[in-house]
Amino acid sequence: MTLNITKLSSSSFLPTYGSEYAAGLDLYSPISGTVQPLQRLLVPLDISCELPKGTFGHILSRSGLALKNGIHVGAGVIDEDYRGNVGVLLFNLGDKPYNFSAGDRIAQMVVKKCERVSVVEKECLDESSRGSGGFGSSGK
């Protein structure tokens, strides 16, 4: 499969795999910035992409940033037909400002298969062993 990327500025970076068996492509910030504690910041990557047919891009947190700095990613789906500037929504759940520089890896993207479904309204759903049990209902 091929992921086609267009750089939208001279300061943008192509995504790269960090190791031979990495699942996610590292995404790089083209700008420097700061995310304050308990704040969020949208970082445009200045790239657009053409995903392979039947896939979507799932933008995820980098484990090291999450553990060391409390930096997490939100709103992380790139639809197959989206051709705009890809952005990363960073959340700082830590207690210190997080400073990043142009060229820093701020997120990762995993390209995943996507199944489309037909939506059918049904008067009554089939029973299951879990039923309507919600958060915490299946144990610890």
N, C-alpha and C. Protein backbone atom coordinates (compact mmCIF):
# COMPACT_ATOMS: atom_id res chain seq x y z
N MET A 1 0.85 -1.19 0.00
CA MET A 1 0.00 0.00 0.00
C MET A 1 0.89 1.25 0.00
N THR A 2 0.35 2.29 -0.56
CA THR A 2 1.08 3.55 -0.65
C THR A 2 0.28 4.67 0.01
N LEU A 3 0.96 5.48 0.80
CA LEU A 3 0.39 6.68 1.38
C LEU A 3 1.02 7.86 0.66
N ASN A 4 0.22 8.58 -0.12
CA ASN A 4 0.72 9.75 -0.84
C ASN A 4 0.60 10.98 0.04
N ILE A 5 1.67 11.76 0.12
CA ILE A 5 1.73 12.96 0.95
C ILE A 5 2.12 14.16 0.10
N THR A 6 1.45 15.28 0.32
CA THR A 6 1.84 16.56 -0.28
C THR A 6 2.28 17.49 0.85
N LYS A 7 3.48 18.04 0.73
CA LYS A 7 3.95 19.03 1.71
C LYS A 7 3.34 20.38 1.33
N LEU A 8 2.70 21.04 2.28
CA LEU A 8 2.02 22.31 2.04
C LEU A 8 2.89 23.51 2.36
N SER A 9 4.04 23.28 2.94
CA SER A 9 4.99 24.37 3.21
C SER A 9 6.40 23.80 3.23
N SER A 10 7.37 24.68 3.13
CA SER A 10 8.77 24.23 3.14
C SER A 10 9.21 23.81 4.54
N SER A 11 8.40 24.10 5.56
CA SER A 11 8.77 23.73 6.93
C SER A 11 8.14 22.41 7.38
N SER A 12 7.35 21.77 6.51
CA SER A 12 6.70 20.52 6.88
C SER A 12 7.64 19.33 6.69
N PHE A 13 7.26 18.20 7.30
CA PHE A 13 8.06 16.99 7.27
C PHE A 13 7.21 15.82 6.79
N LEU A 14 7.81 14.91 6.06
CA LEU A 14 7.12 13.68 5.69
C LEU A 14 7.06 12.77 6.91
N PRO A 15 5.96 12.04 7.11
CA PRO A 15 5.90 11.06 8.20
C PRO A 15 6.93 9.95 7.96
N THR A 16 7.46 9.41 9.04
CA THR A 16 8.44 8.33 8.93
C THR A 16 8.16 7.26 9.98
N TYR A 17 8.59 6.04 9.69
CA TYR A 17 8.55 4.97 10.67
C TYR A 17 9.82 5.06 11.52
N GLY A 18 9.67 4.94 12.85
CA GLY A 18 10.81 5.06 13.74
C GLY A 18 11.64 3.80 13.85
N SER A 19 11.08 2.66 13.46
CA SER A 19 11.82 1.41 13.50
C SER A 19 11.23 0.46 12.46
N GLU A 20 11.91 -0.64 12.25
CA GLU A 20 11.52 -1.59 11.21
C GLU A 20 10.10 -2.13 11.40
N TYR A 21 9.67 -2.33 12.65
CA TYR A 21 8.36 -2.93 12.90
C TYR A 21 7.38 -1.96 13.57
N ALA A 22 7.66 -0.69 13.50
CA ALA A 22 6.75 0.30 14.10
C ALA A 22 5.40 0.26 13.40
N ALA A 23 4.33 0.32 14.18
CA ALA A 23 2.98 0.32 13.62
C ALA A 23 2.59 1.71 13.13
N GLY A 24 3.08 2.73 13.82
CA GLY A 24 2.68 4.10 13.50
C GLY A 24 3.78 4.89 12.83
N LEU A 25 3.35 5.77 11.95
CA LEU A 25 4.25 6.73 11.32
C LEU A 25 4.39 7.94 12.23
N ASP A 26 5.61 8.35 12.52
CA ASP A 26 5.82 9.54 13.34
C ASP A 26 5.39 10.78 12.57
N LEU A 27 4.68 11.68 13.27
CA LEU A 27 4.23 12.95 12.69
C LEU A 27 5.00 14.08 13.36
N TYR A 28 5.51 14.99 12.53
CA TYR A 28 6.41 16.04 12.99
C TYR A 28 5.74 17.41 12.94
N SER A 29 6.01 18.21 13.95
CA SER A 29 5.49 19.58 13.95
C SER A 29 6.36 20.47 13.06
N PRO A 30 5.73 21.30 12.21
CA PRO A 30 6.51 22.24 11.41
C PRO A 30 6.77 23.55 12.16
N ILE A 31 6.21 23.69 13.35
CA ILE A 31 6.32 24.94 14.12
C ILE A 31 6.74 24.64 15.56
N SER A 32 7.17 25.67 16.26
CA SER A 32 7.42 25.59 17.69
C SER A 32 6.19 26.09 18.42
N GLY A 33 5.96 25.59 19.62
CA GLY A 33 4.80 26.04 20.37
C GLY A 33 4.83 25.54 21.79
N THR A 34 3.79 25.90 22.53
CA THR A 34 3.64 25.50 23.93
C THR A 34 2.19 25.12 24.18
N VAL A 35 1.99 24.00 24.87
CA VAL A 35 0.66 23.61 25.33
C VAL A 35 0.68 23.76 26.85
N GLN A 36 -0.14 24.64 27.36
CA GLN A 36 -0.20 24.88 28.80
C GLN A 36 -0.92 23.72 29.50
N PRO A 37 -0.67 23.54 30.80
CA PRO A 37 -1.36 22.48 31.54
C PRO A 37 -2.87 22.63 31.42
N LEU A 38 -3.54 21.50 31.22
CA LEU A 38 -4.99 21.41 31.10
C LEU A 38 -5.55 22.24 29.94
N GLN A 39 -4.72 22.47 28.94
CA GLN A 39 -5.15 23.18 27.73
C GLN A 39 -4.99 22.26 26.53
N ARG A 40 -5.52 22.70 25.39
CA ARG A 40 -5.38 21.95 24.14
C ARG A 40 -4.88 22.91 23.06
N LEU A 41 -4.22 22.35 22.06
CA LEU A 41 -3.67 23.16 20.97
C LEU A 41 -3.73 22.35 19.69
N LEU A 42 -4.27 22.95 18.63
CA LEU A 42 -4.29 22.32 17.32
C LEU A 42 -3.01 22.72 16.57
N VAL A 43 -2.24 21.72 16.19
CA VAL A 43 -0.99 21.95 15.47
C VAL A 43 -1.17 21.48 14.03
N PRO A 44 -1.28 22.42 13.06
CA PRO A 44 -1.35 22.01 11.66
C PRO A 44 0.02 21.49 11.21
N LEU A 45 0.02 20.32 10.57
CA LEU A 45 1.28 19.69 10.16
C LEU A 45 1.78 20.19 8.81
N ASP A 46 0.95 20.94 8.11
CA ASP A 46 1.29 21.43 6.76
C ASP A 46 1.58 20.29 5.79
N ILE A 47 0.80 19.21 5.95
CA ILE A 47 0.82 18.11 4.98
C ILE A 47 -0.62 17.73 4.68
N SER A 48 -0.86 17.23 3.48
CA SER A 48 -2.14 16.59 3.16
C SER A 48 -1.82 15.20 2.65
N CYS A 49 -2.80 14.31 2.75
CA CYS A 49 -2.51 12.93 2.39
C CYS A 49 -3.62 12.33 1.54
N GLU A 50 -3.23 11.33 0.80
CA GLU A 50 -4.15 10.50 0.02
C GLU A 50 -3.96 9.07 0.53
N LEU A 51 -4.90 8.65 1.37
CA LEU A 51 -4.82 7.34 2.00
C LEU A 51 -5.19 6.24 1.00
N PRO A 52 -4.66 5.03 1.20
CA PRO A 52 -5.04 3.92 0.33
C PRO A 52 -6.54 3.64 0.42
N LYS A 53 -7.12 3.13 -0.66
CA LYS A 53 -8.55 2.79 -0.69
C LYS A 53 -8.89 1.85 0.46
N GLY A 54 -10.03 2.13 1.11
CA GLY A 54 -10.52 1.27 2.17
C GLY A 54 -9.80 1.43 3.49
N THR A 55 -9.10 2.57 3.69
CA THR A 55 -8.37 2.80 4.94
C THR A 55 -8.73 4.16 5.51
N PHE A 56 -8.28 4.39 6.75
CA PHE A 56 -8.32 5.72 7.36
C PHE A 56 -7.05 5.89 8.16
N GLY A 57 -6.69 7.12 8.44
CA GLY A 57 -5.53 7.40 9.27
C GLY A 57 -5.98 7.64 10.69
N HIS A 58 -5.41 6.92 11.63
CA HIS A 58 -5.74 7.06 13.05
C HIS A 58 -4.57 7.75 13.74
N ILE A 59 -4.77 9.00 14.15
CA ILE A 59 -3.72 9.76 14.83
C ILE A 59 -3.78 9.44 16.31
N LEU A 60 -2.64 9.05 16.86
CA LEU A 60 -2.54 8.59 18.24
C LEU A 60 -1.43 9.30 18.98
N SER A 61 -1.50 9.23 20.30
CA SER A 61 -0.45 9.79 21.15
C SER A 61 0.83 8.98 20.99
N ARG A 62 1.94 9.64 21.25
CA ARG A 62 3.23 8.94 21.36
C ARG A 62 3.38 8.53 22.82
N SER A 63 3.72 7.29 23.06
CA SER A 63 3.73 6.78 24.43
C SER A 63 4.70 7.53 25.34
N GLY A 64 5.86 7.91 24.83
CA GLY A 64 6.83 8.64 25.64
C GLY A 64 6.33 10.01 26.06
N LEU A 65 5.68 10.72 25.13
CA LEU A 65 5.13 12.05 25.47
C LEU A 65 3.99 11.92 26.48
N ALA A 66 3.19 10.88 26.34
CA ALA A 66 2.09 10.68 27.28
C ALA A 66 2.62 10.38 28.68
N LEU A 67 3.60 9.49 28.77
CA LEU A 67 4.14 9.11 30.07
C LEU A 67 4.93 10.24 30.72
N LYS A 68 5.84 10.84 29.98
CA LYS A 68 6.77 11.83 30.56
C LYS A 68 6.16 13.21 30.73
N ASN A 69 5.23 13.59 29.81
CA ASN A 69 4.73 14.97 29.81
C ASN A 69 3.22 15.11 29.90
N GLY A 70 2.49 14.00 29.90
CA GLY A 70 1.03 14.08 29.95
C GLY A 70 0.41 14.59 28.67
N ILE A 71 1.12 14.44 27.54
CA ILE A 71 0.62 14.92 26.25
C ILE A 71 -0.13 13.80 25.54
N HIS A 72 -1.41 14.07 25.25
CA HIS A 72 -2.28 13.10 24.57
C HIS A 72 -2.88 13.75 23.33
N VAL A 73 -3.38 12.91 22.42
CA VAL A 73 -3.96 13.37 21.17
C VAL A 73 -5.46 13.16 21.19
N GLY A 74 -6.22 14.11 20.66
CA GLY A 74 -7.66 13.98 20.54
C GLY A 74 -8.10 14.08 19.09
N ALA A 75 -9.34 13.70 18.82
CA ALA A 75 -9.98 13.85 17.51
C ALA A 75 -9.10 13.30 16.38
N GLY A 76 -8.70 12.05 16.49
CA GLY A 76 -7.67 11.52 15.63
C GLY A 76 -8.06 10.67 14.45
N VAL A 77 -9.03 11.07 13.65
CA VAL A 77 -9.39 10.28 12.47
C VAL A 77 -9.23 11.12 11.21
N ILE A 78 -8.49 10.57 10.25
CA ILE A 78 -8.38 11.19 8.92
C ILE A 78 -9.14 10.29 7.96
N ASP A 79 -10.23 10.79 7.40
CA ASP A 79 -11.02 10.02 6.46
C ASP A 79 -10.28 9.85 5.13
N GLU A 80 -10.59 8.76 4.46
CA GLU A 80 -9.93 8.44 3.19
C GLU A 80 -10.05 9.55 2.16
N ASP A 81 -11.17 10.27 2.16
CA ASP A 81 -11.39 11.30 1.14
C ASP A 81 -10.97 12.71 1.57
N TYR A 82 -10.39 12.87 2.77
CA TYR A 82 -9.95 14.20 3.23
C TYR A 82 -8.63 14.57 2.55
N ARG A 83 -8.56 15.76 2.01
CA ARG A 83 -7.35 16.23 1.33
C ARG A 83 -6.82 17.54 1.91
N GLY A 84 -7.32 17.96 3.05
CA GLY A 84 -6.88 19.22 3.66
C GLY A 84 -5.64 19.05 4.51
N ASN A 85 -5.28 20.14 5.18
CA ASN A 85 -4.12 20.17 6.06
C ASN A 85 -4.39 19.26 7.27
N VAL A 86 -3.54 18.28 7.48
CA VAL A 86 -3.68 17.38 8.61
C VAL A 86 -3.22 18.12 9.87
N GLY A 87 -4.04 18.04 10.90
CA GLY A 87 -3.69 18.68 12.16
C GLY A 87 -3.67 17.67 13.28
N VAL A 88 -2.93 18.00 14.33
CA VAL A 88 -2.86 17.17 15.53
C VAL A 88 -3.37 18.00 16.69
N LEU A 89 -4.38 17.48 17.38
CA LEU A 89 -4.94 18.15 18.55
C LEU A 89 -4.25 17.61 19.79
N LEU A 90 -3.39 18.45 20.39
CA LEU A 90 -2.64 18.04 21.57
C LEU A 90 -3.35 18.50 22.84
N PHE A 91 -3.46 17.60 23.81
CA PHE A 91 -3.99 17.91 25.14
C PHE A 91 -2.86 17.75 26.15
N ASN A 92 -2.67 18.74 27.00
CA ASN A 92 -1.68 18.65 28.06
C ASN A 92 -2.40 18.30 29.36
N LEU A 93 -2.32 17.04 29.75
CA LEU A 93 -2.94 16.59 31.00
C LEU A 93 -1.95 16.63 32.15
N GLY A 94 -0.76 17.16 31.89
CA GLY A 94 0.27 17.28 32.92
C GLY A 94 0.12 18.57 33.71
N ASP A 95 1.08 18.79 34.61
CA ASP A 95 1.03 19.98 35.46
C ASP A 95 2.07 21.03 35.09
N LYS A 96 2.77 20.84 33.97
CA LYS A 96 3.77 21.80 33.50
C LYS A 96 3.52 22.12 32.04
N PRO A 97 3.87 23.33 31.59
CA PRO A 97 3.77 23.63 30.16
C PRO A 97 4.64 22.66 29.36
N TYR A 98 4.14 22.27 28.18
CA TYR A 98 4.92 21.42 27.29
C TYR A 98 5.36 22.25 26.10
N ASN A 99 6.67 22.42 25.96
CA ASN A 99 7.24 23.17 24.84
C ASN A 99 7.73 22.18 23.79
N PHE A 100 7.41 22.48 22.54
CA PHE A 100 7.91 21.65 21.44
C PHE A 100 8.50 22.57 20.37
N SER A 101 9.38 22.00 19.58
CA SER A 101 10.07 22.74 18.53
C SER A 101 9.73 22.20 17.17
N ALA A 102 9.95 23.00 16.15
CA ALA A 102 9.79 22.53 14.77
C ALA A 102 10.69 21.31 14.58
N GLY A 103 10.13 20.26 14.00
CA GLY A 103 10.87 19.02 13.78
C GLY A 103 10.66 17.98 14.85
N ASP A 104 10.00 18.36 15.97
CA ASP A 104 9.73 17.37 17.02
C ASP A 104 8.61 16.43 16.58
N ARG A 105 8.72 15.18 16.99
CA ARG A 105 7.67 14.19 16.76
C ARG A 105 6.60 14.40 17.83
N ILE A 106 5.39 14.75 17.40
CA ILE A 106 4.35 15.09 18.37
C ILE A 106 3.20 14.08 18.41
N ALA A 107 3.14 13.18 17.46
CA ALA A 107 2.06 12.19 17.40
C ALA A 107 2.49 11.09 16.44
N GLN A 108 1.63 10.11 16.28
CA GLN A 108 1.87 9.05 15.30
C GLN A 108 0.57 8.73 14.59
N MET A 109 0.69 8.21 13.39
CA MET A 109 -0.49 7.83 12.62
C MET A 109 -0.38 6.37 12.19
N VAL A 110 -1.44 5.61 12.51
CA VAL A 110 -1.54 4.23 12.06
C VAL A 110 -2.59 4.20 10.95
N VAL A 111 -2.25 3.62 9.82
CA VAL A 111 -3.20 3.47 8.72
C VAL A 111 -3.92 2.15 8.93
N LYS A 112 -5.27 2.22 9.02
CA LYS A 112 -6.07 1.05 9.35
C LYS A 112 -7.13 0.79 8.29
N LYS A 113 -7.49 -0.47 8.14
CA LYS A 113 -8.59 -0.83 7.24
C LYS A 113 -9.89 -0.30 7.83
N CYS A 114 -10.81 0.05 6.96
CA CYS A 114 -12.09 0.61 7.38
C CYS A 114 -13.23 -0.14 6.72
N GLU A 115 -14.12 -0.68 7.52
CA GLU A 115 -15.29 -1.38 7.01
C GLU A 115 -16.49 -0.44 7.09
N ARG A 116 -17.21 -0.28 6.02
CA ARG A 116 -18.43 0.51 6.02
C ARG A 116 -19.60 -0.43 6.31
N VAL A 117 -20.56 0.06 7.05
CA VAL A 117 -21.72 -0.76 7.42
C VAL A 117 -23.00 -0.09 6.96
N SER A 118 -24.04 -0.89 6.82
CA SER A 118 -25.37 -0.36 6.55
C SER A 118 -26.05 -0.15 7.90
N VAL A 119 -26.71 0.99 8.06
CA VAL A 119 -27.43 1.27 9.30
C VAL A 119 -28.88 0.89 9.11
N VAL A 120 -29.37 0.02 10.00
CA VAL A 120 -30.74 -0.48 9.93
C VAL A 120 -31.41 -0.21 11.27
N GLU A 121 -32.57 0.45 11.22
CA GLU A 121 -33.33 0.65 12.44
C GLU A 121 -34.06 -0.64 12.78
N LYS A 122 -34.02 -1.03 14.06
CA LYS A 122 -34.63 -2.27 14.51
C LYS A 122 -35.42 -1.98 15.79
N GLU A 123 -36.66 -2.45 15.86
CA GLU A 123 -37.51 -2.22 17.04
C GLU A 123 -36.88 -2.75 18.32
N CYS A 124 -36.29 -3.95 18.24
CA CYS A 124 -35.73 -4.59 19.43
C CYS A 124 -34.44 -5.29 19.02
N LEU A 125 -33.37 -5.06 19.78
CA LEU A 125 -32.08 -5.68 19.50
C LEU A 125 -32.01 -7.08 20.08
N ASP A 126 -31.20 -7.94 19.48
CA ASP A 126 -30.99 -9.29 20.00
C ASP A 126 -30.40 -9.21 21.40
N GLU A 127 -30.78 -10.15 22.27
CA GLU A 127 -30.26 -10.20 23.63
C GLU A 127 -28.78 -10.59 23.62
N SER A 128 -28.04 -10.13 24.66
CA SER A 128 -26.65 -10.55 24.84
C SER A 128 -26.44 -10.81 26.33
N SER A 129 -25.36 -11.50 26.68
CA SER A 129 -25.10 -11.80 28.09
C SER A 129 -24.79 -10.54 28.88
N ARG A 130 -24.25 -9.52 28.25
CA ARG A 130 -23.94 -8.26 28.94
C ARG A 130 -25.16 -7.37 29.07
N GLY A 131 -26.02 -7.41 28.09
CA GLY A 131 -27.20 -6.56 28.12
C GLY A 131 -26.85 -5.09 28.06
N SER A 132 -27.48 -4.29 28.92
CA SER A 132 -27.25 -2.84 28.90
C SER A 132 -26.21 -2.41 29.93
N GLY A 133 -25.46 -3.37 30.50
CA GLY A 133 -24.42 -3.02 31.48
C GLY A 133 -23.38 -2.11 30.86
N GLY A 134 -23.14 -0.98 31.52
CA GLY A 134 -22.22 0.03 30.98
C GLY A 134 -20.87 0.02 31.66
N PHE A 135 -20.34 1.21 31.90
CA PHE A 135 -19.01 1.38 32.47
C PHE A 135 -18.83 0.54 33.73
N GLY A 136 -17.80 -0.30 33.73
CA GLY A 136 -17.47 -1.10 34.89
C GLY A 136 -18.31 -2.33 35.10
N SER A 137 -19.25 -2.60 34.22
CA SER A 137 -20.18 -3.72 34.44
C SER A 137 -19.57 -5.10 34.16
N SER A 138 -18.44 -5.12 33.46
CA SER A 138 -17.87 -6.44 33.11
C SER A 138 -16.73 -6.83 34.04
N GLY A 139 -16.56 -6.13 35.15
CA GLY A 139 -15.52 -6.48 36.11
C GLY A 139 -14.51 -5.37 36.28
N LYS A 140 -13.38 -5.73 36.92
CA LYS A 140 -12.33 -4.75 37.24
C LYS A 140 -11.61 -4.29 36.00
